[in-house]
Structures are given as C-alpha cells and as structure tokens.
Amino acid sequence: MSRLSAARGDALFVRPASSLIGEAFWLRHGEGTGRQALERAPMIKSFLAGSFSGTCSTILFQPLDLVKTRLQSPLAIGSKSHAGMLKTLVTVIRNEKVAGLWKGVTPSIWRCVPGVGMYFCTLHELKAFFFSETDPTAAQSLLLGATARSIVGVSMLPVTVVKVRYECGMFQYRGVAAALKELYRHEGRKGLYSGLSATLLRDVPFSGIYFMCYSELKKRIPSDQLDSSFVPVLHFTCGIVAGAMASAVTQPADVIKTQMQIHPYKHKWMGSAAITVYEIDGLKGFFRGIVPRTVRRTLMAAMAWTVYEQIMKTLGLK
C-alpha cells in the first residue's frame, strides 16, 4: 500500500489501474508538486493516458498483426500462396510455438507506447488550440486525425520498419536497438524510412476517417441520459464501426507498405510495389491480410480510445 493510498484509506488492490498512473507520477515528484504539474499540463495527462491504452491494446492484439504480415510477405518473394488466416495461425504455432505469435511485440511496444501517447497528446493539443469553444465538424475532425497521425507516422517509422521485418520471419535481429543500427549501417536513412509514402497513404487517411467517424458517432450518444457504466460500451462500439470503415479503405496501402519495407531495394517507390502485387496476385493481392488487420485495427483502436477516454476522465481532463 502506497503512502498516498494509505493517507486516503484506500486499499491499493481495489484502485482502478488508470488512477495508478497519476499516483505514480505524484509519488515520484511529491504529491503536491505532482498533482499541480498534472493540473497545469493536460499534455502530460493525454500522453500518459494514450501510452497506457496503447500498451494494453498492442500486447493483446500482436498475434493478429503478425498473421497479417505473414499473409502479405509472400508477395515480396513472388509467392502465390493463398494460405488463410487460420492456416497461417496454425503454421506459426506449429513451427514457432505459441510464443511465436508475439514475435515483433518488442518493436511494436517501442513504436506504440510513445506513438499512441504522441498521437493522443497531439490530437488533444490541436483540438484544444483550434476548437476550445466548439466541437469540430466532420471535415475538421478528419483533418485533425490526419495531422496528428502524420506527425507520429514520420517520427516512429524506423521502428515500424523493424517491426515488419521481425514479423515477416525473413530477418534475424538481436534486438530493436541492434536492428536499427544494422538497418542504418547497411541501408542508411533510406532504409530507416522505407515505405514512408505508403505508410502516410495508409495511416493519414485511416486516422482521419477513424477520428471523423468516431467523433460523429459519439456525438449521437445521449451520454447524460444513460447510466455511466454503459457509456464505455457505446464508445467501444463506435470505435469498432469507425475502425472497420477506416481499415477497409486503407488496406491496399498497407499491402504496398509491407512490400516496400521488406525489400526497399526492390521497391524504391509505391508504383513498383503496386505493380508487383498486381502481377503476382491481381486485384485481390491488395487485400491480403484484410481480415486480421481489420479485426486488429478495429479492436485495438476501439480499446485504445475507450481506455483513453476513461483514463482522461479519471485524471480530470474530461
């Protein structure tokens, strides 16, 4: 039991996980100064909330991301394999054990923990700066989400490249830091930022469409007329609908991105990767891995936003 919890007469094991984030911050900096710092800095609150929600969803849904990459990676070596999601899942478990489903989780955490925190932090600050007095329109929400994702996408791309290479099973790295050094040594900055154009073509529309749909759906929920315990469920449902729509629209860009990041020398621009995909597998090649990606991105985004909303409410910024 911590000093802060004891002072309040609360048992530590019954405190919600989200409140422990704020408590840890207060204990580290002193209860008074820590609380005052959080009250004066909503940016810290939104970053902490985003990072925590990103950690939970990343670890939970990593197997789906790995399966998606395995479904797409055969295109990079000219294979027409049509193994489905379940067959790929069974193959991974048979050859690499259950733990193999979490291959690439370390670079995923390296990317998502600060990345999701940066995304929510940037989004919060942009919204507070431009729309402090009113809610943004659908078009403005799309622009806000796209801008925040552009900043994060460019910042975290080197780790994204490492994550994709971990997951595809074609590369053997000794760790994320070692992978980044090796990538820079052999491929330079171009290697670290391979697939940048396809990444932005995927992530910017995804976040813009997602945030627009999520915001518009959430506006239609009469939260003040509902039991507070039911609101997170509705937020999660809004997230699922928004995520499914955004995932379907951006799937072709995701396939192209994977090809460019696995073989950057072969595909120096998006057109080259797109032509290869079409020649090998036709139009359906652009939708390889759509099921695991849609399930993962939809549930991950819905969970991240739901957890984020609840933590922000607990930290007093909602």
C-alpha atoms as a PDB file:
ATOM      1  CA  MET A   1       0.000   0.000   0.000  1.00  0.00           C
ATOM      2  CA  SER A   2       1.459   3.328  -1.022  1.00  0.00           C
ATOM      3  CA  ARG A   3       1.779   6.403   1.175  1.00  0.00           C
ATOM      4  CA  LEU A   4      -0.826   8.193  -0.922  1.00  0.00           C
ATOM      5  CA  SER A   5      -3.287   5.299  -0.813  1.00  0.00           C
ATOM      6  CA  ALA A   6      -2.820   4.864   2.945  1.00  0.00           C
ATOM      7  CA  ALA A   7      -3.436   8.540   3.542  1.00  0.00           C
ATOM      8  CA  ARG A   8      -6.731   8.257   1.752  1.00  0.00           C
ATOM      9  CA  GLY A   9      -7.664   4.976   3.424  1.00  0.00           C
ATOM     10  CA  ASP A  10      -7.916   3.206   0.062  1.00  0.00           C
ATOM     11  CA  ALA A  11      -6.696  -0.346  -0.450  1.00  0.00           C
ATOM     12  CA  LEU A  12      -4.262  -0.426  -3.349  1.00  0.00           C
ATOM     13  CA  PHE A  13      -5.704  -3.560  -4.890  1.00  0.00           C
ATOM     14  CA  VAL A  14      -9.142  -2.023  -5.363  1.00  0.00           C
ATOM     15  CA  ARG A  15      -7.905   1.174  -7.046  1.00  0.00           C
ATOM     16  CA  PRO A  16      -8.510   1.269 -10.825  1.00  0.00           C
ATOM     17  CA  ALA A  17      -5.382   0.808 -12.937  1.00  0.00           C
ATOM     18  CA  SER A  18      -5.844   4.190 -14.589  1.00  0.00           C
ATOM     19  CA  SER A  19      -5.630   6.011 -11.256  1.00  0.00           C
ATOM     20  CA  LEU A  20      -2.277   4.347 -10.515  1.00  0.00           C
ATOM     21  CA  ILE A  21      -0.711   6.289 -13.396  1.00  0.00           C
ATOM     22  CA  GLY A  22      -1.468   9.575 -11.734  1.00  0.00           C
ATOM     23  CA  GLU A  23      -0.479   8.181  -8.322  1.00  0.00           C
ATOM     24  CA  ALA A  24       2.918   7.030  -9.586  1.00  0.00           C
ATOM     25  CA  PHE A  25       3.547  10.472 -11.005  1.00  0.00           C
ATOM     26  CA  TRP A  26       2.549  12.146  -7.716  1.00  0.00           C
ATOM     27  CA  LEU A  27       4.742   9.838  -5.612  1.00  0.00           C
ATOM     28  CA  ARG A  28       7.760  10.402  -7.848  1.00  0.00           C
ATOM     29  CA  HIS A  29       7.548  14.183  -7.796  1.00  0.00           C
ATOM     30  CA  GLY A  30       5.852  14.717  -4.455  1.00  0.00           C
ATOM     31  CA  GLU A  31       2.087  14.624  -4.102  1.00  0.00           C
ATOM     32  CA  GLY A  32       1.613  18.386  -4.168  1.00  0.00           C
ATOM     33  CA  THR A  33       4.012  19.218  -6.980  1.00  0.00           C
ATOM     34  CA  GLY A  34       2.996  16.145  -9.000  1.00  0.00           C
ATOM     35  CA  ARG A  35      -0.710  16.914  -8.807  1.00  0.00           C
ATOM     36  CA  GLN A  36      -0.089  20.583  -9.602  1.00  0.00           C
ATOM     37  CA  ALA A  37       2.078  19.611 -12.574  1.00  0.00           C
ATOM     38  CA  LEU A  38      -0.667  17.394 -13.969  1.00  0.00           C
ATOM     39  CA  GLU A  39      -3.285  20.067 -13.425  1.00  0.00           C
ATOM     40  CA  ARG A  40      -1.139  22.621 -15.234  1.00  0.00           C
ATOM     41  CA  ALA A  41      -0.120  20.260 -18.023  1.00  0.00           C
ATOM     42  CA  PRO A  42      -3.002  18.488 -19.783  1.00  0.00           C
ATOM     43  CA  MET A  43      -0.428  17.418 -22.377  1.00  0.00           C
ATOM     44  CA  ILE A  44       1.153  15.122 -19.768  1.00  0.00           C
ATOM     45  CA  LYS A  45      -2.230  13.648 -18.917  1.00  0.00           C
ATOM     46  CA  SER A  46      -3.125  12.924 -22.536  1.00  0.00           C
ATOM     47  CA  PHE A  47       0.312  11.422 -23.216  1.00  0.00           C
ATOM     48  CA  LEU A  48       0.121   9.145 -20.154  1.00  0.00           C
ATOM     49  CA  ALA A  49      -3.423   8.078 -20.992  1.00  0.00           C
ATOM     50  CA  GLY A  50      -2.542   7.398 -24.628  1.00  0.00           C
ATOM     51  CA  SER A  51       0.609   5.452 -23.756  1.00  0.00           C
ATOM     52  CA  PHE A  52      -1.192   3.253 -21.237  1.00  0.00           C
ATOM     53  CA  SER A  53      -4.046   2.481 -23.639  1.00  0.00           C
ATOM     54  CA  GLY A  54      -1.538   1.789 -26.428  1.00  0.00           C
ATOM     55  CA  THR A  55       0.410  -0.678 -24.288  1.00  0.00           C
ATOM     56  CA  CYS A  56      -2.669  -2.728 -23.415  1.00  0.00           C
ATOM     57  CA  SER A  57      -4.003  -2.961 -26.947  1.00  0.00           C
ATOM     58  CA  THR A  58      -0.585  -3.609 -28.546  1.00  0.00           C
ATOM     59  CA  ILE A  59       0.238  -6.616 -26.380  1.00  0.00           C
ATOM     60  CA  LEU A  60      -3.249  -8.080 -26.624  1.00  0.00           C
ATOM     61  CA  PHE A  61      -3.590  -7.901 -30.420  1.00  0.00           C
ATOM     62  CA  GLN A  62       0.017  -8.534 -31.547  1.00  0.00           C
ATOM     63  CA  PRO A  63      -0.778 -12.064 -32.895  1.00  0.00           C
ATOM     64  CA  LEU A  64      -3.206 -10.570 -35.418  1.00  0.00           C
ATOM     65  CA  ASP A  65      -0.562  -8.128 -36.629  1.00  0.00           C
ATOM     66  CA  LEU A  66       1.948 -10.947 -37.083  1.00  0.00           C
ATOM     67  CA  VAL A  67      -0.550 -13.068 -39.030  1.00  0.00           C
ATOM     68  CA  LYS A  68      -1.385 -10.097 -41.252  1.00  0.00           C
ATOM     69  CA  THR A  69       2.292  -9.526 -42.072  1.00  0.00           C
ATOM     70  CA  ARG A  70       2.845 -13.249 -42.771  1.00  0.00           C
ATOM     71  CA  LEU A  71      -0.096 -13.238 -45.188  1.00  0.00           C
ATOM     72  CA  GLN A  72       1.322 -10.242 -47.063  1.00  0.00           C
ATOM     73  CA  SER A  73       5.044 -11.103 -47.040  1.00  0.00           C
ATOM     74  CA  PRO A  74       4.906 -13.983 -49.611  1.00  0.00           C
ATOM     75  CA  LEU A  75       4.133 -11.359 -52.265  1.00  0.00           C
ATOM     76  CA  ALA A  76       7.549  -9.834 -51.604  1.00  0.00           C
ATOM     77  CA  ILE A  77       9.284 -13.032 -52.764  1.00  0.00           C
ATOM     78  CA  GLY A  78       6.923 -13.761 -55.646  1.00  0.00           C
ATOM     79  CA  SER A  79       4.837 -16.453 -53.984  1.00  0.00           C
ATOM     80  CA  LYS A  80       1.190 -17.008 -54.873  1.00  0.00           C
ATOM     81  CA  SER A  81       0.478 -18.820 -51.627  1.00  0.00           C
ATOM     82  CA  HIS A  82      -3.145 -18.416 -50.587  1.00  0.00           C
ATOM     83  CA  ALA A  83      -2.914 -19.654 -47.019  1.00  0.00           C
ATOM     84  CA  GLY A  84      -5.736 -18.162 -44.997  1.00  0.00           C
ATOM     85  CA  MET A  85      -5.720 -16.561 -41.582  1.00  0.00           C
ATOM     86  CA  LEU A  86      -6.398 -19.756 -39.617  1.00  0.00           C
ATOM     87  CA  LYS A  87      -3.891 -21.850 -41.596  1.00  0.00           C
ATOM     88  CA  THR A  88      -1.216 -19.203 -41.065  1.00  0.00           C
ATOM     89  CA  LEU A  89      -2.040 -19.077 -37.360  1.00  0.00           C
ATOM     90  CA  VAL A  90      -1.718 -22.874 -37.040  1.00  0.00           C
ATOM     91  CA  THR A  91       1.547 -22.865 -39.019  1.00  0.00           C
ATOM     92  CA  VAL A  92       3.096 -20.255 -36.738  1.00  0.00           C
ATOM     93  CA  ILE A  93       2.080 -22.182 -33.611  1.00  0.00           C
ATOM     94  CA  ARG A  94       3.353 -25.487 -35.053  1.00  0.00           C
ATOM     95  CA  ASN A  95       6.738 -24.099 -36.125  1.00  0.00           C
ATOM     96  CA  GLU A  96       7.376 -21.377 -33.537  1.00  0.00           C
ATOM     97  CA  LYS A  97       5.163 -22.406 -30.601  1.00  0.00           C
ATOM     98  CA  VAL A  98       2.502 -20.120 -29.110  1.00  0.00           C
ATOM     99  CA  ALA A  99       5.159 -17.579 -28.131  1.00  0.00           C
ATOM    100  CA  GLY A 100       5.885 -17.151 -31.854  1.00  0.00           C
ATOM    101  CA  LEU A 101       2.591 -15.293 -32.220  1.00  0.00           C
ATOM    102  CA  TRP A 102       4.128 -12.466 -30.202  1.00  0.00           C
ATOM    103  CA  LYS A 103       7.247 -12.183 -32.361  1.00  0.00           C
ATOM    104  CA  GLY A 104       7.734  -8.498 -33.032  1.00  0.00           C
ATOM    105  CA  VAL A 105       5.915  -7.408 -29.878  1.00  0.00           C
ATOM    106  CA  THR A 106       9.033  -5.618 -28.586  1.00  0.00           C
ATOM    107  CA  PRO A 107       9.354  -3.234 -31.558  1.00  0.00           C
ATOM    108  CA  SER A 108       5.551  -2.924 -31.508  1.00  0.00           C
ATOM    109  CA  ILE A 109       5.753  -1.667 -27.924  1.00  0.00           C
ATOM    110  CA  TRP A 110       8.688   0.586 -28.826  1.00  0.00           C
ATOM    111  CA  ARG A 111       6.504   2.082 -31.524  1.00  0.00           C
ATOM    112  CA  CYS A 112       3.048   2.092 -29.972  1.00  0.00           C
ATOM    113  CA  VAL A 113       3.717   3.171 -26.378  1.00  0.00           C
ATOM    114  CA  PRO A 114       5.278   6.529 -27.280  1.00  0.00           C
ATOM    115  CA  GLY A 115       3.468   6.601 -30.634  1.00  0.00           C
ATOM    116  CA  VAL A 116      -0.076   6.272 -29.287  1.00  0.00           C
ATOM    117  CA  GLY A 117       0.831   8.670 -26.474  1.00  0.00           C
ATOM    118  CA  MET A 118       2.139  11.187 -29.022  1.00  0.00           C
ATOM    119  CA  TYR A 119      -0.956  10.726 -31.173  1.00  0.00           C
ATOM    120  CA  PHE A 120      -3.448  11.388 -28.378  1.00  0.00           C
ATOM    121  CA  CYS A 121      -1.286  14.190 -26.982  1.00  0.00           C
ATOM    122  CA  THR A 122      -1.002  15.905 -30.383  1.00  0.00           C
ATOM    123  CA  LEU A 123      -4.691  15.390 -31.091  1.00  0.00           C
ATOM    124  CA  HIS A 124      -5.661  16.829 -27.711  1.00  0.00           C
ATOM    125  CA  GLU A 125      -3.444  19.873 -28.132  1.00  0.00           C
ATOM    126  CA  LEU A 126      -4.638  20.570 -31.687  1.00  0.00           C
ATOM    127  CA  LYS A 127      -8.257  20.225 -30.630  1.00  0.00           C
ATOM    128  CA  ALA A 128      -7.738  22.451 -27.568  1.00  0.00           C
ATOM    129  CA  PHE A 129      -5.931  25.104 -29.622  1.00  0.00           C
ATOM    130  CA  PHE A 130      -8.294  25.322 -32.584  1.00  0.00           C
ATOM    131  CA  PHE A 131     -11.613  24.186 -31.090  1.00  0.00           C
ATOM    132  CA  SER A 132     -11.579  25.198 -27.427  1.00  0.00           C
ATOM    133  CA  GLU A 133     -15.008  26.816 -27.683  1.00  0.00           C
ATOM    134  CA  THR A 134     -16.798  24.420 -30.023  1.00  0.00           C
ATOM    135  CA  ASP A 135     -16.728  20.874 -31.345  1.00  0.00           C
ATOM    136  CA  PRO A 136     -15.020  20.324 -34.724  1.00  0.00           C
ATOM    137  CA  THR A 137     -17.120  19.442 -37.747  1.00  0.00           C
ATOM    138  CA  ALA A 138     -16.764  16.092 -39.513  1.00  0.00           C
ATOM    139  CA  ALA A 139     -14.295  17.538 -42.044  1.00  0.00           C
ATOM    140  CA  GLN A 140     -12.317  19.257 -39.288  1.00  0.00           C
ATOM    141  CA  SER A 141     -12.179  16.016 -37.274  1.00  0.00           C
ATOM    142  CA  LEU A 142     -10.822  14.224 -40.341  1.00  0.00           C
ATOM    143  CA  LEU A 143      -8.111  16.880 -40.709  1.00  0.00           C
ATOM    144  CA  LEU A 144      -7.223  16.752 -37.000  1.00  0.00           C
ATOM    145  CA  GLY A 145      -6.818  12.972 -37.019  1.00  0.00           C
ATOM    146  CA  ALA A 146      -4.797  13.036 -40.242  1.00  0.00           C
ATOM    147  CA  THR A 147      -2.440  15.754 -38.962  1.00  0.00           C
ATOM    148  CA  ALA A 148      -1.771  14.013 -35.654  1.00  0.00           C
ATOM    149  CA  ARG A 149      -1.092  10.690 -37.399  1.00  0.00           C
ATOM    150  CA  SER A 150       1.267  12.299 -39.935  1.00  0.00           C
ATOM    151  CA  ILE A 151       3.463  13.611 -37.130  1.00  0.00           C
ATOM    152  CA  VAL A 152       3.542  10.270 -35.325  1.00  0.00           C
ATOM    153  CA  GLY A 153       3.915   8.206 -38.501  1.00  0.00           C
ATOM    154  CA  VAL A 154       7.063  10.039 -39.616  1.00  0.00           C
ATOM    155  CA  SER A 155       8.548  10.049 -36.099  1.00  0.00           C
ATOM    156  CA  MET A 156       8.082   6.319 -35.459  1.00  0.00           C
ATOM    157  CA  LEU A 157       8.678   4.929 -38.976  1.00  0.00           C
ATOM    158  CA  PRO A 158      12.167   3.435 -38.321  1.00  0.00           C
ATOM    159  CA  VAL A 159      10.733   1.283 -35.527  1.00  0.00           C
ATOM    160  CA  THR A 160       7.802   0.354 -37.775  1.00  0.00           C
ATOM    161  CA  VAL A 161      10.243  -0.943 -40.405  1.00  0.00           C
ATOM    162  CA  VAL A 162      11.983  -3.091 -37.767  1.00  0.00           C
ATOM    163  CA  LYS A 163       8.606  -4.394 -36.535  1.00  0.00           C
ATOM    164  CA  VAL A 164       7.553  -5.509 -40.026  1.00  0.00           C
ATOM    165  CA  ARG A 165      10.869  -7.285 -40.594  1.00  0.00           C
ATOM    166  CA  TYR A 166      10.625  -9.046 -37.239  1.00  0.00           C
ATOM    167  CA  GLU A 167       7.123 -10.269 -38.036  1.00  0.00           C
ATOM    168  CA  CYS A 168       7.726 -11.470 -41.598  1.00  0.00           C
ATOM    169  CA  GLY A 169      10.246 -14.073 -40.385  1.00  0.00           C
ATOM    170  CA  MET A 170      12.831 -13.237 -43.073  1.00  0.00           C
ATOM    171  CA  PHE A 171      15.196 -11.274 -40.849  1.00  0.00           C
ATOM    172  CA  GLN A 172      17.070 -12.175 -37.677  1.00  0.00           C
ATOM    173  CA  TYR A 173      17.867  -9.277 -35.364  1.00  0.00           C
ATOM    174  CA  ARG A 174      19.315  -9.399 -31.839  1.00  0.00           C
ATOM    175  CA  GLY A 175      17.126  -6.595 -30.538  1.00  0.00           C
ATOM    176  CA  VAL A 176      15.396  -3.398 -31.580  1.00  0.00           C
ATOM    177  CA  ALA A 177      18.393  -1.132 -30.954  1.00  0.00           C
ATOM    178  CA  ALA A 178      20.711  -3.563 -32.769  1.00  0.00           C
ATOM    179  CA  ALA A 179      18.226  -3.793 -35.645  1.00  0.00           C
ATOM    180  CA  LEU A 180      18.095  -0.019 -36.016  1.00  0.00           C
ATOM    181  CA  LYS A 181      21.907   0.193 -36.043  1.00  0.00           C
ATOM    182  CA  GLU A 182      22.207  -2.623 -38.574  1.00  0.00           C
ATOM    183  CA  LEU A 183      19.494  -1.112 -40.744  1.00  0.00           C
ATOM    184  CA  TYR A 184      21.238   2.255 -40.773  1.00  0.00           C
ATOM    185  CA  ARG A 185      24.663   0.693 -41.374  1.00  0.00           C
ATOM    186  CA  HIS A 186      23.559  -1.316 -44.428  1.00  0.00           C
ATOM    187  CA  GLU A 187      20.731   0.780 -45.869  1.00  0.00           C
ATOM    188  CA  GLY A 188      21.234   4.280 -44.472  1.00  0.00           C
ATOM    189  CA  ARG A 189      18.430   6.718 -43.832  1.00  0.00           C
ATOM    190  CA  LYS A 190      16.517   5.416 -46.854  1.00  0.00           C
ATOM    191  CA  GLY A 191      16.284   2.034 -45.163  1.00  0.00           C
ATOM    192  CA  LEU A 192      15.072   3.526 -41.901  1.00  0.00           C
ATOM    193  CA  TYR A 193      12.351   5.422 -43.746  1.00  0.00           C
ATOM    194  CA  SER A 194      11.490   2.840 -46.389  1.00  0.00           C
ATOM    195  CA  GLY A 195       7.813   2.807 -47.214  1.00  0.00           C
ATOM    196  CA  LEU A 196       7.280   6.344 -45.903  1.00  0.00           C
ATOM    197  CA  SER A 197       4.934   7.346 -48.717  1.00  0.00           C
ATOM    198  CA  ALA A 198       2.852   4.165 -48.400  1.00  0.00           C
ATOM    199  CA  THR A 199       2.814   4.486 -44.597  1.00  0.00           C
ATOM    200  CA  LEU A 200       1.437   8.019 -44.804  1.00  0.00           C
ATOM    201  CA  LEU A 201      -1.033   6.941 -47.512  1.00  0.00           C
ATOM    202  CA  ARG A 202      -2.254   4.265 -45.087  1.00  0.00           C
ATOM    203  CA  ASP A 203      -2.083   5.966 -41.673  1.00  0.00           C
ATOM    204  CA  VAL A 204      -3.169   9.505 -42.520  1.00  0.00           C
ATOM    205  CA  PRO A 205      -6.490   8.507 -44.170  1.00  0.00           C
ATOM    206  CA  PHE A 206      -7.033   5.806 -41.526  1.00  0.00           C
ATOM    207  CA  SER A 207      -6.725   8.207 -38.608  1.00  0.00           C
ATOM    208  CA  GLY A 208      -8.647  10.934 -40.363  1.00  0.00           C
ATOM    209  CA  ILE A 209     -11.544   8.640 -41.290  1.00  0.00           C
ATOM    210  CA  TYR A 210     -11.458   6.935 -37.892  1.00  0.00           C
ATOM    211  CA  PHE A 211     -11.498  10.127 -35.829  1.00  0.00           C
ATOM    212  CA  MET A 212     -14.215  11.661 -38.015  1.00  0.00           C
ATOM    213  CA  CYS A 213     -16.486   8.601 -37.777  1.00  0.00           C
ATOM    214  CA  TYR A 214     -15.769   8.051 -34.079  1.00  0.00           C
ATOM    215  CA  SER A 215     -16.465  11.697 -33.202  1.00  0.00           C
ATOM    216  CA  GLU A 216     -19.650  11.859 -35.254  1.00  0.00           C
ATOM    217  CA  LEU A 217     -20.998   8.590 -33.837  1.00  0.00           C
ATOM    218  CA  LYS A 218     -20.130   9.602 -30.284  1.00  0.00           C
ATOM    219  CA  LYS A 219     -21.985  12.909 -30.696  1.00  0.00           C
ATOM    220  CA  ARG A 220     -25.168  10.939 -31.278  1.00  0.00           C
ATOM    221  CA  ILE A 221     -24.925   9.158 -27.933  1.00  0.00           C
ATOM    222  CA  PRO A 222     -27.075  10.856 -25.245  1.00  0.00           C
ATOM    223  CA  SER A 223     -24.441  10.259 -22.540  1.00  0.00           C
ATOM    224  CA  ASP A 224     -26.237  12.448 -19.994  1.00  0.00           C
ATOM    225  CA  GLN A 225     -29.328  10.234 -20.251  1.00  0.00           C
ATOM    226  CA  LEU A 226     -27.515   6.906 -19.844  1.00  0.00           C
ATOM    227  CA  ASP A 227     -26.012   5.037 -16.946  1.00  0.00           C
ATOM    228  CA  SER A 228     -22.328   5.998 -16.730  1.00  0.00           C
ATOM    229  CA  SER A 229     -21.269   2.335 -16.642  1.00  0.00           C
ATOM    230  CA  PHE A 230     -22.857   1.790 -20.068  1.00  0.00           C
ATOM    231  CA  VAL A 231     -21.107   4.711 -21.818  1.00  0.00           C
ATOM    232  CA  PRO A 232     -17.729   2.917 -22.308  1.00  0.00           C
ATOM    233  CA  VAL A 233     -19.543   0.074 -24.068  1.00  0.00           C
ATOM    234  CA  LEU A 234     -21.109   2.511 -26.506  1.00  0.00           C
ATOM    235  CA  HIS A 235     -17.748   4.233 -27.047  1.00  0.00           C
ATOM    236  CA  PHE A 236     -16.218   0.833 -27.807  1.00  0.00           C
ATOM    237  CA  THR A 237     -18.997   0.112 -30.318  1.00  0.00           C
ATOM    238  CA  CYS A 238     -18.394   3.468 -32.002  1.00  0.00           C
ATOM    239  CA  GLY A 239     -14.726   2.574 -32.226  1.00  0.00           C
ATOM    240  CA  ILE A 240     -15.443  -0.791 -33.847  1.00  0.00           C
ATOM    241  CA  VAL A 241     -17.641   0.757 -36.555  1.00  0.00           C
ATOM    242  CA  ALA A 242     -15.151   3.561 -37.241  1.00  0.00           C
ATOM    243  CA  GLY A 243     -12.210   1.146 -37.308  1.00  0.00           C
ATOM    244  CA  ALA A 244     -13.858  -1.250 -39.748  1.00  0.00           C
ATOM    245  CA  MET A 245     -14.568   1.560 -42.205  1.00  0.00           C
ATOM    246  CA  ALA A 246     -11.075   3.062 -41.971  1.00  0.00           C
ATOM    247  CA  SER A 247      -9.344  -0.337 -42.287  1.00  0.00           C
ATOM    248  CA  ALA A 248     -11.190  -1.332 -45.451  1.00  0.00           C
ATOM    249  CA  VAL A 249     -10.356   1.942 -47.211  1.00  0.00           C
ATOM    250  CA  THR A 250      -6.640   1.838 -46.382  1.00  0.00           C
ATOM    251  CA  GLN A 251      -5.911  -1.899 -46.898  1.00  0.00           C
ATOM    252  CA  PRO A 252      -4.215  -1.586 -50.339  1.00  0.00           C
ATOM    253  CA  ALA A 253      -1.746   0.972 -48.948  1.00  0.00           C
ATOM    254  CA  ASP A 254      -0.925  -1.429 -46.096  1.00  0.00           C
ATOM    255  CA  VAL A 255      -0.036  -4.218 -48.535  1.00  0.00           C
ATOM    256  CA  ILE A 256       2.184  -1.862 -50.552  1.00  0.00           C
ATOM    257  CA  LYS A 257       3.873  -0.611 -47.369  1.00  0.00           C
ATOM    258  CA  THR A 258       4.781  -4.157 -46.316  1.00  0.00           C
ATOM    259  CA  GLN A 259       6.418  -4.894 -49.684  1.00  0.00           C
ATOM    260  CA  MET A 260       8.454  -1.671 -49.591  1.00  0.00           C
ATOM    261  CA  GLN A 261       9.698  -2.249 -46.055  1.00  0.00           C
ATOM    262  CA  ILE A 262      10.705  -5.881 -46.552  1.00  0.00           C
ATOM    263  CA  HIS A 263      12.547  -5.197 -49.819  1.00  0.00           C
ATOM    264  CA  PRO A 264      13.367  -1.469 -50.051  1.00  0.00           C
ATOM    265  CA  TYR A 265      15.974  -2.000 -52.809  1.00  0.00           C
ATOM    266  CA  LYS A 266      13.464  -3.830 -54.988  1.00  0.00           C
ATOM    267  CA  HIS A 267      10.689  -1.304 -54.430  1.00  0.00           C
ATOM    268  CA  LYS A 268      12.033   2.239 -54.334  1.00  0.00           C
ATOM    269  CA  TRP A 269       8.627   3.797 -54.940  1.00  0.00           C
ATOM    270  CA  MET A 270       4.985   2.856 -54.412  1.00  0.00           C
ATOM    271  CA  GLY A 271       4.284   2.217 -58.090  1.00  0.00           C
ATOM    272  CA  SER A 272       6.872  -0.548 -58.261  1.00  0.00           C
ATOM    273  CA  ALA A 273       5.385  -2.362 -55.257  1.00  0.00           C
ATOM    274  CA  ALA A 274       1.846  -1.918 -56.586  1.00  0.00           C
ATOM    275  CA  ILE A 275       2.790  -3.353 -59.998  1.00  0.00           C
ATOM    276  CA  THR A 276       4.469  -6.367 -58.371  1.00  0.00           C
ATOM    277  CA  VAL A 277       1.439  -7.086 -56.207  1.00  0.00           C
ATOM    278  CA  TYR A 278      -0.893  -6.842 -59.208  1.00  0.00           C
ATOM    279  CA  GLU A 279       1.298  -9.030 -61.444  1.00  0.00           C
ATOM    280  CA  ILE A 280       1.556 -11.772 -58.828  1.00  0.00           C
ATOM    281  CA  ASP A 281      -1.937 -11.807 -57.348  1.00  0.00           C
ATOM    282  CA  GLY A 282      -4.164  -9.398 -59.270  1.00  0.00           C
ATOM    283  CA  LEU A 283      -6.510  -7.001 -57.521  1.00  0.00           C
ATOM    284  CA  LYS A 284      -7.148  -9.433 -54.679  1.00  0.00           C
ATOM    285  CA  GLY A 285      -3.469  -9.137 -53.763  1.00  0.00           C
ATOM    286  CA  PHE A 286      -4.134  -5.636 -52.463  1.00  0.00           C
ATOM    287  CA  PHE A 287      -6.480  -7.092 -49.889  1.00  0.00           C
ATOM    288  CA  ARG A 288      -4.213  -9.803 -48.483  1.00  0.00           C
ATOM    289  CA  GLY A 289      -4.415  -9.852 -44.708  1.00  0.00           C
ATOM    290  CA  ILE A 290      -7.524  -7.677 -44.606  1.00  0.00           C
ATOM    291  CA  VAL A 291      -9.318  -9.916 -42.077  1.00  0.00           C
ATOM    292  CA  PRO A 292      -6.647  -9.979 -39.333  1.00  0.00           C
ATOM    293  CA  ARG A 293      -5.756  -6.335 -39.989  1.00  0.00           C
ATOM    294  CA  THR A 294      -9.366  -5.174 -39.810  1.00  0.00           C
ATOM    295  CA  VAL A 295     -10.030  -7.190 -36.650  1.00  0.00           C
ATOM    296  CA  ARG A 296      -6.815  -5.971 -35.026  1.00  0.00           C
ATOM    297  CA  ARG A 297      -7.014  -2.313 -36.039  1.00  0.00           C
ATOM    298  CA  THR A 298     -10.709  -2.138 -35.223  1.00  0.00           C
ATOM    299  CA  LEU A 299     -10.448  -3.732 -31.780  1.00  0.00           C
ATOM    300  CA  MET A 300      -7.135  -2.039 -30.997  1.00  0.00           C
ATOM    301  CA  ALA A 301      -8.392   1.427 -31.893  1.00  0.00           C
ATOM    302  CA  ALA A 302     -11.707   0.870 -30.118  1.00  0.00           C
ATOM    303  CA  MET A 303      -9.948  -0.378 -26.985  1.00  0.00           C
ATOM    304  CA  ALA A 304      -7.334   2.390 -27.081  1.00  0.00           C
ATOM    305  CA  TRP A 305      -9.966   5.116 -27.397  1.00  0.00           C
ATOM    306  CA  THR A 306     -12.200   3.584 -24.721  1.00  0.00           C
ATOM    307  CA  VAL A 307      -9.339   3.209 -22.237  1.00  0.00           C
ATOM    308  CA  TYR A 308      -8.075   6.681 -23.155  1.00  0.00           C
ATOM    309  CA  GLU A 309     -11.466   8.277 -22.542  1.00  0.00           C
ATOM    310  CA  GLN A 310     -11.810   6.564 -19.165  1.00  0.00           C
ATOM    311  CA  ILE A 311      -8.286   7.469 -18.023  1.00  0.00           C
ATOM    312  CA  MET A 312      -8.723  11.077 -19.108  1.00  0.00           C
ATOM    313  CA  LYS A 313     -11.958  11.182 -17.148  1.00  0.00           C
ATOM    314  CA  THR A 314     -10.190   9.723 -14.080  1.00  0.00           C
ATOM    315  CA  LEU A 315      -7.330  12.209 -14.423  1.00  0.00           C
ATOM    316  CA  GLY A 316      -9.814  15.067 -14.557  1.00  0.00           C
ATOM    317  CA  LEU A 317      -9.480  16.175 -18.181  1.00  0.00           C
ATOM    318  CA  LYS A 318     -12.925  15.077 -19.315  1.00  0.00           C
END
